[in-house]
Protein backbone atom coordinates (compact mmCIF):
# COMPACT_ATOMS: atom_id res chain seq x y z
CA MET A 1 0.00 0.00 0.00
CA SER A 2 1.47 3.35 -1.01
CA LYS A 3 1.93 6.38 1.21
CA LYS A 4 -0.52 8.32 -0.98
CA ALA A 5 -3.27 5.77 -0.33
CA ILE A 6 -2.90 6.29 3.42
CA LEU A 7 -2.06 9.99 3.52
CA GLY A 8 -4.79 11.09 1.07
CA PRO A 9 -7.84 9.99 3.11
CA LEU A 10 -6.22 11.23 6.33
CA LEU A 11 -5.72 14.68 4.83
CA ILE A 12 -9.31 14.71 3.56
CA LEU A 13 -10.60 13.81 7.03
CA LEU A 14 -8.39 16.45 8.65
CA GLY A 15 -9.55 19.09 6.17
CA ALA A 16 -13.21 18.20 6.74
CA TYR A 17 -12.65 18.40 10.46
CA LEU A 18 -11.04 21.84 10.17
CA LEU A 19 -13.88 22.92 7.89
CA LEU A 20 -16.28 22.21 10.74
CA GLY A 21 -14.59 24.94 12.74
CA GLN A 22 -13.45 22.50 15.37
CA GLY A 23 -9.73 22.86 14.59
CA THR A 24 -8.73 24.32 17.94
CA GLY A 25 -9.94 21.53 20.22
CA MET A 26 -8.91 18.45 18.25
CA ASP A 27 -8.88 15.37 20.44
CA SER A 28 -9.47 11.72 19.76
CA GLY A 29 -13.01 11.78 21.20
CA THR A 30 -14.10 14.51 18.83
CA ILE A 31 -12.52 12.75 15.85
CA PHE A 32 -14.32 9.52 16.73
CA ALA A 33 -17.56 11.40 17.30
CA TYR A 34 -17.54 12.98 13.84
CA PHE A 35 -15.72 10.38 11.72
CA TRP A 36 -16.82 7.03 13.13
CA ALA A 37 -18.42 6.07 9.83
CA SER A 38 -15.26 6.76 7.83
CA LEU A 39 -13.08 5.04 10.40
CA PHE A 40 -15.07 1.85 10.95
CA ILE A 41 -17.82 1.24 8.38
CA LEU A 42 -16.19 2.51 5.17
CA PRO A 43 -12.99 0.42 5.51
CA LEU A 44 -15.08 -2.71 6.03
CA GLY A 45 -17.11 -2.00 2.89
CA LEU A 46 -13.94 -1.30 0.91
CA PHE A 47 -12.48 -4.54 2.29
CA PHE A 48 -15.36 -6.52 0.74
CA HIS A 49 -14.75 -4.79 -2.60
CA TRP A 50 -11.02 -5.47 -2.35
CA MET A 51 -11.72 -9.14 -1.62
CA TYR A 52 -13.93 -9.39 -4.71
CA PHE A 53 -11.62 -7.59 -7.11
CA SER A 54 -8.24 -8.80 -5.80
CA MET A 55 -8.56 -11.95 -3.74
CA THR A 56 -11.25 -13.85 -5.66
CA ARG A 57 -10.52 -12.17 -9.01
CA GLY A 58 -14.22 -11.75 -9.73
CA ARG A 59 -15.33 -15.28 -8.87
CA ALA A 60 -17.42 -14.36 -5.79
CA PRO A 61 -19.80 -11.53 -6.74
CA GLY A 62 -21.80 -12.10 -3.54
CA LEU A 63 -19.09 -10.12 -1.71
CA LEU A 64 -20.32 -6.99 -3.48
CA ILE A 65 -23.70 -7.01 -1.73
CA PRO A 66 -22.37 -6.32 1.79
CA GLY A 67 -19.62 -4.18 0.29
CA GLY A 68 -22.06 -1.91 -1.52
CA VAL A 69 -24.38 -1.74 1.48
CA LEU A 70 -21.58 -0.81 3.87
CA VAL A 71 -20.02 1.81 1.59
CA THR A 72 -23.42 3.45 1.03
CA VAL A 73 -24.24 3.38 4.75
CA ALA A 74 -20.84 4.88 5.53
CA ILE A 75 -21.40 7.74 3.07
CA VAL A 76 -24.90 8.39 4.45
CA CYS A 77 -23.74 8.34 8.06
CA GLN A 78 -20.66 10.47 7.40
CA THR A 79 -22.66 13.09 5.52
CA ALA A 80 -25.32 13.15 8.22
CA MET A 81 -22.69 13.50 10.96
CA LEU A 82 -20.77 16.30 9.24
CA PHE A 83 -23.82 18.37 8.31
CA ASP A 84 -26.16 17.28 11.13
CA SER A 85 -28.74 16.24 8.57
CA TRP A 86 -30.08 12.93 9.84
CA ASP A 87 -33.61 14.13 9.11
CA VAL A 88 -32.80 14.37 5.40
CA MET A 89 -30.23 11.57 4.98
CA TRP A 90 -32.12 8.63 6.47
CA PRO A 91 -33.53 7.45 3.10
CA GLY A 92 -29.96 6.53 2.22
CA PHE A 93 -30.42 3.47 4.43
CA ILE A 94 -33.18 2.32 2.07
CA LEU A 95 -30.88 2.97 -0.89
CA ALA A 96 -28.00 0.94 0.61
CA PRO A 97 -29.34 -2.56 -0.18
CA ALA A 98 -30.29 -1.35 -3.66
CA VAL A 99 -26.66 -0.32 -4.27
CA GLY A 100 -25.36 -3.68 -3.03
CA LEU A 101 -27.84 -5.60 -5.17
CA PHE A 102 -27.06 -3.41 -8.19
CA GLU A 103 -23.35 -4.16 -7.86
CA PHE A 104 -24.23 -7.86 -7.65
CA TYR A 105 -26.41 -7.46 -10.74
CA CYS A 106 -23.65 -5.72 -12.71
CA PHE A 107 -20.80 -8.06 -11.77
CA GLY A 108 -22.81 -11.25 -11.22
CA GLY A 109 -24.88 -13.10 -13.76
CA ARG A 110 -27.10 -10.12 -14.74
CA ASN A 111 -30.21 -11.79 -13.35
CA ARG A 112 -32.97 -9.47 -14.54
CA TRP A 113 -35.20 -10.38 -11.57
CA LEU A 114 -32.82 -8.49 -9.30
CA LEU A 115 -33.92 -5.28 -10.99
CA ILE A 116 -37.34 -5.48 -9.30
CA PRO A 117 -36.12 -4.99 -5.69
CA ILE A 118 -33.39 -2.64 -6.90
CA ASN A 119 -35.93 -0.37 -8.60
CA ILE A 120 -38.44 -0.53 -5.74
CA LEU A 121 -35.82 0.39 -3.13
CA THR A 122 -34.28 3.10 -5.31
CA VAL A 123 -37.62 4.75 -6.10
CA LEU A 124 -38.69 4.65 -2.45
CA SER A 125 -35.39 6.14 -1.35
CA LEU A 126 -35.46 8.92 -3.96
CA LEU A 127 -39.09 9.68 -3.12
CA PHE A 128 -38.31 10.04 0.57
CA PHE A 129 -35.17 12.08 -0.24
CA ALA A 130 -37.28 14.45 -2.33
CA VAL A 131 -40.04 14.82 0.24
CA PHE A 132 -37.76 15.40 3.19
CA SER A 133 -35.38 17.64 1.22
CA ILE A 134 -38.26 19.89 0.16
CA GLU A 135 -39.43 20.00 3.77
CA ALA A 136 -35.91 20.90 4.91
CA LEU A 137 -35.66 23.63 2.28
CA THR A 138 -38.92 25.20 3.41
CA THR A 139 -38.24 25.01 7.16
CA ARG A 140 -34.54 25.80 7.35
CA THR A 141 -33.73 29.44 7.04
CA PHE A 142 -31.06 31.50 5.36
CA MET A 143 -30.87 35.14 6.44
CA GLU A 144 -34.12 34.58 8.38
CA GLN A 145 -36.01 33.58 5.21
CA PRO A 146 -36.84 30.07 3.97
CA LEU A 147 -34.10 28.76 1.73
CA LEU A 148 -36.72 27.71 -0.82
CA ALA A 149 -37.55 31.38 -1.42
CA PHE A 150 -33.97 32.10 -2.47
CA VAL A 151 -33.88 29.01 -4.69
CA LEU A 152 -37.11 30.06 -6.45
CA ILE A 153 -35.83 33.60 -6.95
CA GLY A 154 -32.61 32.24 -8.44
CA LEU A 155 -34.48 29.89 -10.79
CA GLY A 156 -36.76 32.73 -11.90
CA ALA A 157 -33.75 34.94 -12.60
CA LEU A 158 -32.17 32.16 -14.66
CA LEU A 159 -35.34 31.80 -16.72
CA LEU A 160 -35.39 35.51 -17.48
CA MET A 161 -31.81 35.61 -18.74
CA PRO A 162 -31.45 35.55 -22.54
CA LEU A 163 -29.70 32.43 -23.74
CA GLY A 164 -27.70 32.94 -26.90
CA LYS A 165 -30.13 35.23 -28.72
CA LYS A 166 -28.52 37.22 -31.50
CA PRO A 167 -29.18 40.94 -31.58
CA GLY A 168 -31.55 42.05 -34.32
CA VAL A 169 -33.33 38.71 -34.58
CA LYS A 170 -37.04 39.00 -33.88
CA ILE A 171 -38.91 36.14 -32.41
């Protein structure tokens, strides 16, 4: 394993930690409190992927199911911990088995019946993401106004901007 493979993720974690504004009181408890998903769950998920691609050389695609689930759960948990957005990120736990099954579908025998639970779980997860994201946009505030108001104003301004019209051409 190269030094870059170890140093890169450590620098990313340190930068994310400093971005949180917690750079002055860095202790091991705080690091574990914020980065437990990246420290414990993500390496286990990557280990399953490594076993599939390196150890078994593609002969055991069943390893990708727990690998995909764990990597997705780690990303969901890490994002929720860093941005304190558990109320919006929880549908990622519904998406996690869909990701694992989709990896199994892609690298396994391409059993088309796997697409049924994959699609059901993905649609449910995206539906819940949409509903709870819209709710978060309308309830969370930016400059004491709902964030949705600023998004709608920005979209309206984009629609009013001329896009590539040539001067002198009448429509």
